Amino acid sequence: MKRLAEKKIGTRPFFYPMHLQPVLKKMNLFIGESYPVSEKLAERGFYLPSGLALTGQQIDRSIEAVKSLF
């Protein structure tokens, strides 16, 4: 995400697992539970720009930025 931000490509975290959401923790749900797959997705996953308003040029720019990281 940081490297894409340097290329002016906005990203945001993928999702927050339910067992790690503060409101559910306050309710004492999921006490002592661990879900490694969802934790790994939350740690490493992220959204790229998307939506019906994106132009082809914006999509191509995002694609090229991602490809350049590999």
PDB file of N, CA and C in Angstrom:
ATOM      1  N   MET A   1       0.825  -1.184   0.000  1.00  0.00           N
ATOM      2  CA  MET A   1       0.000   0.000   0.000  1.00  0.00           C
ATOM      3  C   MET A   1       0.872   1.252   0.000  1.00  0.00           C
ATOM      4  N   LYS A   2       1.938   1.201   0.775  1.00  0.00           N
ATOM      5  CA  LYS A   2       2.836   2.356   0.848  1.00  0.00           C
ATOM      6  C   LYS A   2       3.491   2.623  -0.505  1.00  0.00           C
ATOM      7  N   ARG A   3       3.930   1.555  -1.157  1.00  0.00           N
ATOM      8  CA  ARG A   3       4.598   1.720  -2.449  1.00  0.00           C
ATOM      9  C   ARG A   3       3.619   2.218  -3.509  1.00  0.00           C
ATOM     10  N   LEU A   4       2.375   1.802  -3.443  1.00  0.00           N
ATOM     11  CA  LEU A   4       1.380   2.314  -4.382  1.00  0.00           C
ATOM     12  C   LEU A   4       1.042   3.770  -4.066  1.00  0.00           C
ATOM     13  N   ALA A   5       1.010   4.121  -2.801  1.00  0.00           N
ATOM     14  CA  ALA A   5       0.746   5.510  -2.417  1.00  0.00           C
ATOM     15  C   ALA A   5       1.840   6.432  -2.973  1.00  0.00           C
ATOM     16  N   GLU A   6       3.066   5.936  -2.977  1.00  0.00           N
ATOM     17  CA  GLU A   6       4.159   6.711  -3.549  1.00  0.00           C
ATOM     18  C   GLU A   6       3.938   6.983  -5.041  1.00  0.00           C
ATOM     19  N   LYS A   7       3.170   6.111  -5.687  1.00  0.00           N
ATOM     20  CA  LYS A   7       2.846   6.272  -7.103  1.00  0.00           C
ATOM     21  C   LYS A   7       1.486   6.954  -7.292  1.00  0.00           C
ATOM     22  N   LYS A   8       0.968   7.500  -6.186  1.00  0.00           N
ATOM     23  CA  LYS A   8      -0.317   8.224  -6.196  1.00  0.00           C
ATOM     24  C   LYS A   8      -1.502   7.322  -6.533  1.00  0.00           C
ATOM     25  N   ILE A   9      -1.418   6.062  -6.106  1.00  0.00           N
ATOM     26  CA  ILE A   9      -2.530   5.127  -6.255  1.00  0.00           C
ATOM     27  C   ILE A   9      -3.106   4.903  -4.861  1.00  0.00           C
ATOM     28  N   GLY A  10      -4.355   5.300  -4.680  1.00  0.00           N
ATOM     29  CA  GLY A  10      -4.991   5.143  -3.373  1.00  0.00           C
ATOM     30  C   GLY A  10      -5.397   3.707  -3.110  1.00  0.00           C
ATOM     31  N   THR A  11      -5.197   3.276  -1.898  1.00  0.00           N
ATOM     32  CA  THR A  11      -5.624   1.943  -1.465  1.00  0.00           C
ATOM     33  C   THR A  11      -6.260   2.086  -0.085  1.00  0.00           C
ATOM     34  N   ARG A  12      -6.869   1.025   0.361  1.00  0.00           N
ATOM     35  CA  ARG A  12      -7.376   1.000   1.738  1.00  0.00           C
ATOM     36  C   ARG A  12      -7.384  -0.439   2.213  1.00  0.00           C
ATOM     37  N   PRO A  13      -7.349  -0.637   3.522  1.00  0.00           N
ATOM     38  CA  PRO A  13      -7.324  -2.004   4.046  1.00  0.00           C
ATOM     39  C   PRO A  13      -8.500  -2.823   3.542  1.00  0.00           C
ATOM     40  N   PHE A  14      -8.270  -4.110   3.374  1.00  0.00           N
ATOM     41  CA  PHE A  14      -9.254  -5.035   2.829  1.00  0.00           C
ATOM     42  C   PHE A  14     -10.489  -5.154   3.710  1.00  0.00           C
ATOM     43  N   PHE A  15     -10.314  -5.569   4.933  1.00  0.00           N
ATOM     44  CA  PHE A  15     -11.426  -5.691   5.866  1.00  0.00           C
ATOM     45  C   PHE A  15     -10.868  -5.956   7.252  1.00  0.00           C
ATOM     46  N   TYR A  16     -11.713  -5.847   8.220  1.00  0.00           N
ATOM     47  CA  TYR A  16     -11.317  -6.144   9.595  1.00  0.00           C
ATOM     48  C   TYR A  16     -12.108  -7.357  10.061  1.00  0.00           C
ATOM     49  N   PRO A  17     -11.433  -8.412  10.464  1.00  0.00           N
ATOM     50  CA  PRO A  17     -12.146  -9.598  10.929  1.00  0.00           C
ATOM     51  C   PRO A  17     -13.074  -9.258  12.098  1.00  0.00           C
ATOM     52  N   MET A  18     -14.182  -9.930  12.146  1.00  0.00           N
ATOM     53  CA  MET A  18     -15.164  -9.647  13.199  1.00  0.00           C
ATOM     54  C   MET A  18     -14.557  -9.783  14.589  1.00  0.00           C
ATOM     55  N   HIS A  19     -13.723 -10.796  14.799  1.00  0.00           N
ATOM     56  CA  HIS A  19     -13.178 -11.016  16.135  1.00  0.00           C
ATOM     57  C   HIS A  19     -12.178  -9.943  16.558  1.00  0.00           C
ATOM     58  N   LEU A  20     -11.781  -9.058  15.636  1.00  0.00           N
ATOM     59  CA  LEU A  20     -10.859  -7.979  15.970  1.00  0.00           C
ATOM     60  C   LEU A  20     -11.529  -6.608  15.987  1.00  0.00           C
ATOM     61  N   GLN A  21     -12.809  -6.545  15.677  1.00  0.00           N
ATOM     62  CA  GLN A  21     -13.498  -5.264  15.654  1.00  0.00           C
ATOM     63  C   GLN A  21     -13.756  -4.777  17.086  1.00  0.00           C
ATOM     64  N   PRO A  22     -13.358  -3.537  17.364  1.00  0.00           N
ATOM     65  CA  PRO A  22     -13.460  -3.002  18.725  1.00  0.00           C
ATOM     66  C   PRO A  22     -14.859  -3.107  19.333  1.00  0.00           C
ATOM     67  N   VAL A  23     -15.885  -2.828  18.562  1.00  0.00           N
ATOM     68  CA  VAL A  23     -17.243  -2.865  19.118  1.00  0.00           C
ATOM     69  C   VAL A  23     -17.606  -4.277  19.585  1.00  0.00           C
ATOM     70  N   LEU A  24     -17.168  -5.290  18.875  1.00  0.00           N
ATOM     71  CA  LEU A  24     -17.469  -6.664  19.267  1.00  0.00           C
ATOM     72  C   LEU A  24     -16.587  -7.117  20.427  1.00  0.00           C
ATOM     73  N   LYS A  25     -15.369  -6.583  20.480  1.00  0.00           N
ATOM     74  CA  LYS A  25     -14.503  -6.879  21.620  1.00  0.00           C
ATOM     75  C   LYS A  25     -15.093  -6.298  22.903  1.00  0.00           C
ATOM     76  N   LYS A  26     -15.655  -5.080  22.802  1.00  0.00           N
ATOM     77  CA  LYS A  26     -16.289  -4.450  23.969  1.00  0.00           C
ATOM     78  C   LYS A  26     -17.448  -5.282  24.490  1.00  0.00           C
ATOM     79  N   MET A  27     -18.080  -6.013  23.583  1.00  0.00           N
ATOM     80  CA  MET A  27     -19.217  -6.854  23.963  1.00  0.00           C
ATOM     81  C   MET A  27     -18.748  -8.209  24.490  1.00  0.00           C
ATOM     82  N   ASN A  28     -17.403  -8.361  24.608  1.00  0.00           N
ATOM     83  CA  ASN A  28     -16.786  -9.598  25.090  1.00  0.00           C
ATOM     84  C   ASN A  28     -17.103 -10.806  24.210  1.00  0.00           C
ATOM     85  N   LEU A  29     -17.228 -10.537  22.913  1.00  0.00           N
ATOM     86  CA  LEU A  29     -17.413 -11.622  21.957  1.00  0.00           C
ATOM     87  C   LEU A  29     -16.048 -12.073  21.455  1.00  0.00           C
ATOM     88  N   PHE A  30     -15.942 -13.295  21.097  1.00  0.00           N
ATOM     89  CA  PHE A  30     -14.726 -13.874  20.525  1.00  0.00           C
ATOM     90  C   PHE A  30     -13.545 -13.875  21.499  1.00  0.00           C
ATOM     91  N   ILE A  31     -13.801 -13.907  22.792  1.00  0.00           N
ATOM     92  CA  ILE A  31     -12.726 -13.890  23.785  1.00  0.00           C
ATOM     93  C   ILE A  31     -11.804 -15.089  23.583  1.00  0.00           C
ATOM     94  N   GLY A  32     -10.511 -14.788  23.430  1.00  0.00           N
ATOM     95  CA  GLY A  32      -9.505 -15.831  23.299  1.00  0.00           C
ATOM     96  C   GLY A  32      -9.542 -16.588  21.977  1.00  0.00           C
ATOM     97  N   GLU A  33     -10.339 -16.129  21.030  1.00  0.00           N
ATOM     98  CA  GLU A  33     -10.438 -16.831  19.760  1.00  0.00           C
ATOM     99  C   GLU A  33      -9.459 -16.252  18.741  1.00  0.00           C
ATOM    100  N   SER A  34      -8.994 -17.102  17.875  1.00  0.00           N
ATOM    101  CA  SER A  34      -8.069 -16.692  16.832  1.00  0.00           C
ATOM    102  C   SER A  34      -8.518 -17.306  15.515  1.00  0.00           C
ATOM    103  N   TYR A  35      -8.446 -16.519  14.472  1.00  0.00           N
ATOM    104  CA  TYR A  35      -8.811 -16.970  13.139  1.00  0.00           C
ATOM    105  C   TYR A  35      -7.682 -16.580  12.195  1.00  0.00           C
ATOM    106  N   PRO A  36      -6.671 -17.431  12.091  1.00  0.00           N
ATOM    107  CA  PRO A  36      -5.453 -17.072  11.369  1.00  0.00           C
ATOM    108  C   PRO A  36      -5.659 -16.686   9.905  1.00  0.00           C
ATOM    109  N   VAL A  37      -6.578 -17.324   9.226  1.00  0.00           N
ATOM    110  CA  VAL A  37      -6.774 -16.997   7.813  1.00  0.00           C
ATOM    111  C   VAL A  37      -7.323 -15.579   7.674  1.00  0.00           C
ATOM    112  N   SER A  38      -8.354 -15.248   8.440  1.00  0.00           N
ATOM    113  CA  SER A  38      -8.912 -13.898   8.348  1.00  0.00           C
ATOM    114  C   SER A  38      -7.911 -12.858   8.858  1.00  0.00           C
ATOM    115  N   GLU A  39      -7.118 -13.212   9.852  1.00  0.00           N
ATOM    116  CA  GLU A  39      -6.101 -12.279  10.349  1.00  0.00           C
ATOM    117  C   GLU A  39      -5.042 -12.005   9.282  1.00  0.00           C
ATOM    118  N   LYS A  40      -4.641 -13.034   8.539  1.00  0.00           N
ATOM    119  CA  LYS A  40      -3.650 -12.860   7.478  1.00  0.00           C
ATOM    120  C   LYS A  40      -4.234 -12.022   6.340  1.00  0.00           C
ATOM    121  N   LEU A  41      -5.496 -12.261   5.983  1.00  0.00           N
ATOM    122  CA  LEU A  41      -6.132 -11.451   4.942  1.00  0.00           C
ATOM    123  C   LEU A  41      -6.216  -9.991   5.363  1.00  0.00           C
ATOM    124  N   ALA A  42      -6.580  -9.749   6.597  1.00  0.00           N
ATOM    125  CA  ALA A  42      -6.689  -8.374   7.086  1.00  0.00           C
ATOM    126  C   ALA A  42      -5.321  -7.697   7.126  1.00  0.00           C
ATOM    127  N   GLU A  43      -4.301  -8.464   7.436  1.00  0.00           N
ATOM    128  CA  GLU A  43      -2.946  -7.923   7.534  1.00  0.00           C
ATOM    129  C   GLU A  43      -2.365  -7.590   6.162  1.00  0.00           C
ATOM    130  N   ARG A  44      -2.670  -8.414   5.174  1.00  0.00           N
ATOM    131  CA  ARG A  44      -2.002  -8.274   3.874  1.00  0.00           C
ATOM    132  C   ARG A  44      -2.900  -7.807   2.741  1.00  0.00           C
ATOM    133  N   GLY A  45      -4.199  -7.968   2.879  1.00  0.00           N
ATOM    134  CA  GLY A  45      -5.099  -7.626   1.790  1.00  0.00           C
ATOM    135  C   GLY A  45      -5.430  -6.144   1.747  1.00  0.00           C
ATOM    136  N   PHE A  46      -5.725  -5.647   0.551  1.00  0.00           N
ATOM    137  CA  PHE A  46      -6.123  -4.247   0.418  1.00  0.00           C
ATOM    138  C   PHE A  46      -6.936  -4.064  -0.858  1.00  0.00           C
ATOM    139  N   TYR A  47      -7.688  -2.995  -0.874  1.00  0.00           N
ATOM    140  CA  TYR A  47      -8.482  -2.643  -2.039  1.00  0.00           C
ATOM    141  C   TYR A  47      -7.692  -1.704  -2.936  1.00  0.00           C
ATOM    142  N   LEU A  48      -7.844  -1.910  -4.227  1.00  0.00           N
ATOM    143  CA  LEU A  48      -7.339  -0.985  -5.227  1.00  0.00           C
ATOM    144  C   LEU A  48      -8.489  -0.082  -5.648  1.00  0.00           C
ATOM    145  N   PRO A  49      -8.191   1.014  -6.317  1.00  0.00           N
ATOM    146  CA  PRO A  49      -9.275   1.878  -6.785  1.00  0.00           C
ATOM    147  C   PRO A  49     -10.261   1.081  -7.649  1.00  0.00           C
ATOM    148  N   SER A  50     -11.536   1.310  -7.422  1.00  0.00           N
ATOM    149  CA  SER A  50     -12.564   0.630  -8.198  1.00  0.00           C
ATOM    150  C   SER A  50     -13.821   1.481  -8.214  1.00  0.00           C
ATOM    151  N   GLY A  51     -14.693   1.163  -9.094  1.00  0.00           N
ATOM    152  CA  GLY A  51     -15.963   1.878  -9.156  1.00  0.00           C
ATOM    153  C   GLY A  51     -16.346   2.213 -10.588  1.00  0.00           C
ATOM    154  N   LEU A  52     -17.600   2.478 -10.771  1.00  0.00           N
ATOM    155  CA  LEU A  52     -18.121   2.765 -12.104  1.00  0.00           C
ATOM    156  C   LEU A  52     -17.616   4.089 -12.669  1.00  0.00           C
ATOM    157  N   ALA A  53     -17.168   4.987 -11.813  1.00  0.00           N
ATOM    158  CA  ALA A  53     -16.725   6.308 -12.267  1.00  0.00           C
ATOM    159  C   ALA A  53     -15.274   6.322 -12.765  1.00  0.00           C
ATOM    160  N   LEU A  54     -14.534   5.230 -12.545  1.00  0.00           N
ATOM    161  CA  LEU A  54     -13.149   5.192 -13.005  1.00  0.00           C
ATOM    162  C   LEU A  54     -13.092   5.183 -14.529  1.00  0.00           C
ATOM    163  N   THR A  55     -12.177   5.933 -15.058  1.00  0.00           N
ATOM    164  CA  THR A  55     -11.979   5.939 -16.503  1.00  0.00           C
ATOM    165  C   THR A  55     -11.027   4.809 -16.879  1.00  0.00           C
ATOM    166  N   GLY A  56     -11.015   4.471 -18.149  1.00  0.00           N
ATOM    167  CA  GLY A  56     -10.075   3.462 -18.628  1.00  0.00           C
ATOM    168  C   GLY A  56      -8.642   3.861 -18.348  1.00  0.00           C
ATOM    169  N   GLN A  57      -8.363   5.147 -18.482  1.00  0.00           N
ATOM    170  CA  GLN A  57      -7.013   5.647 -18.223  1.00  0.00           C
ATOM    171  C   GLN A  57      -6.632   5.454 -16.751  1.00  0.00           C
ATOM    172  N   GLN A  58      -7.553   5.697 -15.844  1.00  0.00           N
ATOM    173  CA  GLN A  58      -7.271   5.509 -14.415  1.00  0.00           C
ATOM    174  C   GLN A  58      -7.051   4.036 -14.097  1.00  0.00           C
ATOM    175  N   ILE A  59      -7.836   3.189 -14.703  1.00  0.00           N
ATOM    176  CA  ILE A  59      -7.678   1.743 -14.495  1.00  0.00           C
ATOM    177  C   ILE A  59      -6.316   1.296 -15.006  1.00  0.00           C
ATOM    178  N   ASP A  60      -5.968   1.738 -16.214  1.00  0.00           N
ATOM    179  CA  ASP A  60      -4.665   1.379 -16.791  1.00  0.00           C
ATOM    180  C   ASP A  60      -3.518   1.869 -15.911  1.00  0.00           C
ATOM    181  N   ARG A  61      -3.655   3.059 -15.360  1.00  0.00           N
ATOM    182  CA  ARG A  61      -2.615   3.613 -14.487  1.00  0.00           C
ATOM    183  C   ARG A  61      -2.438   2.755 -13.236  1.00  0.00           C
ATOM    184  N   SER A  62      -3.551   2.319 -12.659  1.00  0.00           N
ATOM    185  CA  SER A  62      -3.482   1.446 -11.478  1.00  0.00           C
ATOM    186  C   SER A  62      -2.835   0.114 -11.832  1.00  0.00           C
ATOM    187  N   ILE A  63      -3.216  -0.444 -12.965  1.00  0.00           N
ATOM    188  CA  ILE A  63      -2.646  -1.722 -13.400  1.00  0.00           C
ATOM    189  C   ILE A  63      -1.136  -1.595 -13.586  1.00  0.00           C
ATOM    190  N   GLU A  64      -0.709  -0.559 -14.254  1.00  0.00           N
ATOM    191  CA  GLU A  64       0.724  -0.369 -14.494  1.00  0.00           C
ATOM    192  C   GLU A  64       1.485  -0.164 -13.191  1.00  0.00           C
ATOM    193  N   ALA A  65       0.886   0.526 -12.257  1.00  0.00           N
ATOM    194  CA  ALA A  65       1.543   0.745 -10.953  1.00  0.00           C
ATOM    195  C   ALA A  65       1.726  -0.570 -10.219  1.00  0.00           C
ATOM    196  N   VAL A  66       0.705  -1.424 -10.235  1.00  0.00           N
ATOM    197  CA  VAL A  66       0.810  -2.729  -9.575  1.00  0.00           C
ATOM    198  C   VAL A  66       1.854  -3.581 -10.286  1.00  0.00           C
ATOM    199  N   LYS A  67       1.791  -3.627 -11.594  1.00  0.00           N
ATOM    200  CA  LYS A  67       2.753  -4.431 -12.363  1.00  0.00           C
ATOM    201  C   LYS A  67       4.180  -3.982 -12.105  1.00  0.00           C
ATOM    202  N   SER A  68       4.389  -2.690 -11.916  1.00  0.00           N
ATOM    203  CA  SER A  68       5.752  -2.199 -11.701  1.00  0.00           C
ATOM    204  C   SER A  68       6.353  -2.685 -10.381  1.00  0.00           C
ATOM    205  N   LEU A  69       5.507  -3.115  -9.462  1.00  0.00           N
ATOM    206  CA  LEU A  69       6.004  -3.595  -8.172  1.00  0.00           C
ATOM    207  C   LEU A  69       6.578  -5.011  -8.274  1.00  0.00           C
ATOM    208  N   PHE A  70       6.268  -5.668  -9.361  1.00  0.00           N
ATOM    209  CA  PHE A  70       6.764  -7.037  -9.570  1.00  0.00           C
ATOM    210  C   PHE A  70       7.882  -7.010 -10.571  1.00  0.00           C
TER     211      PHE A  70
END
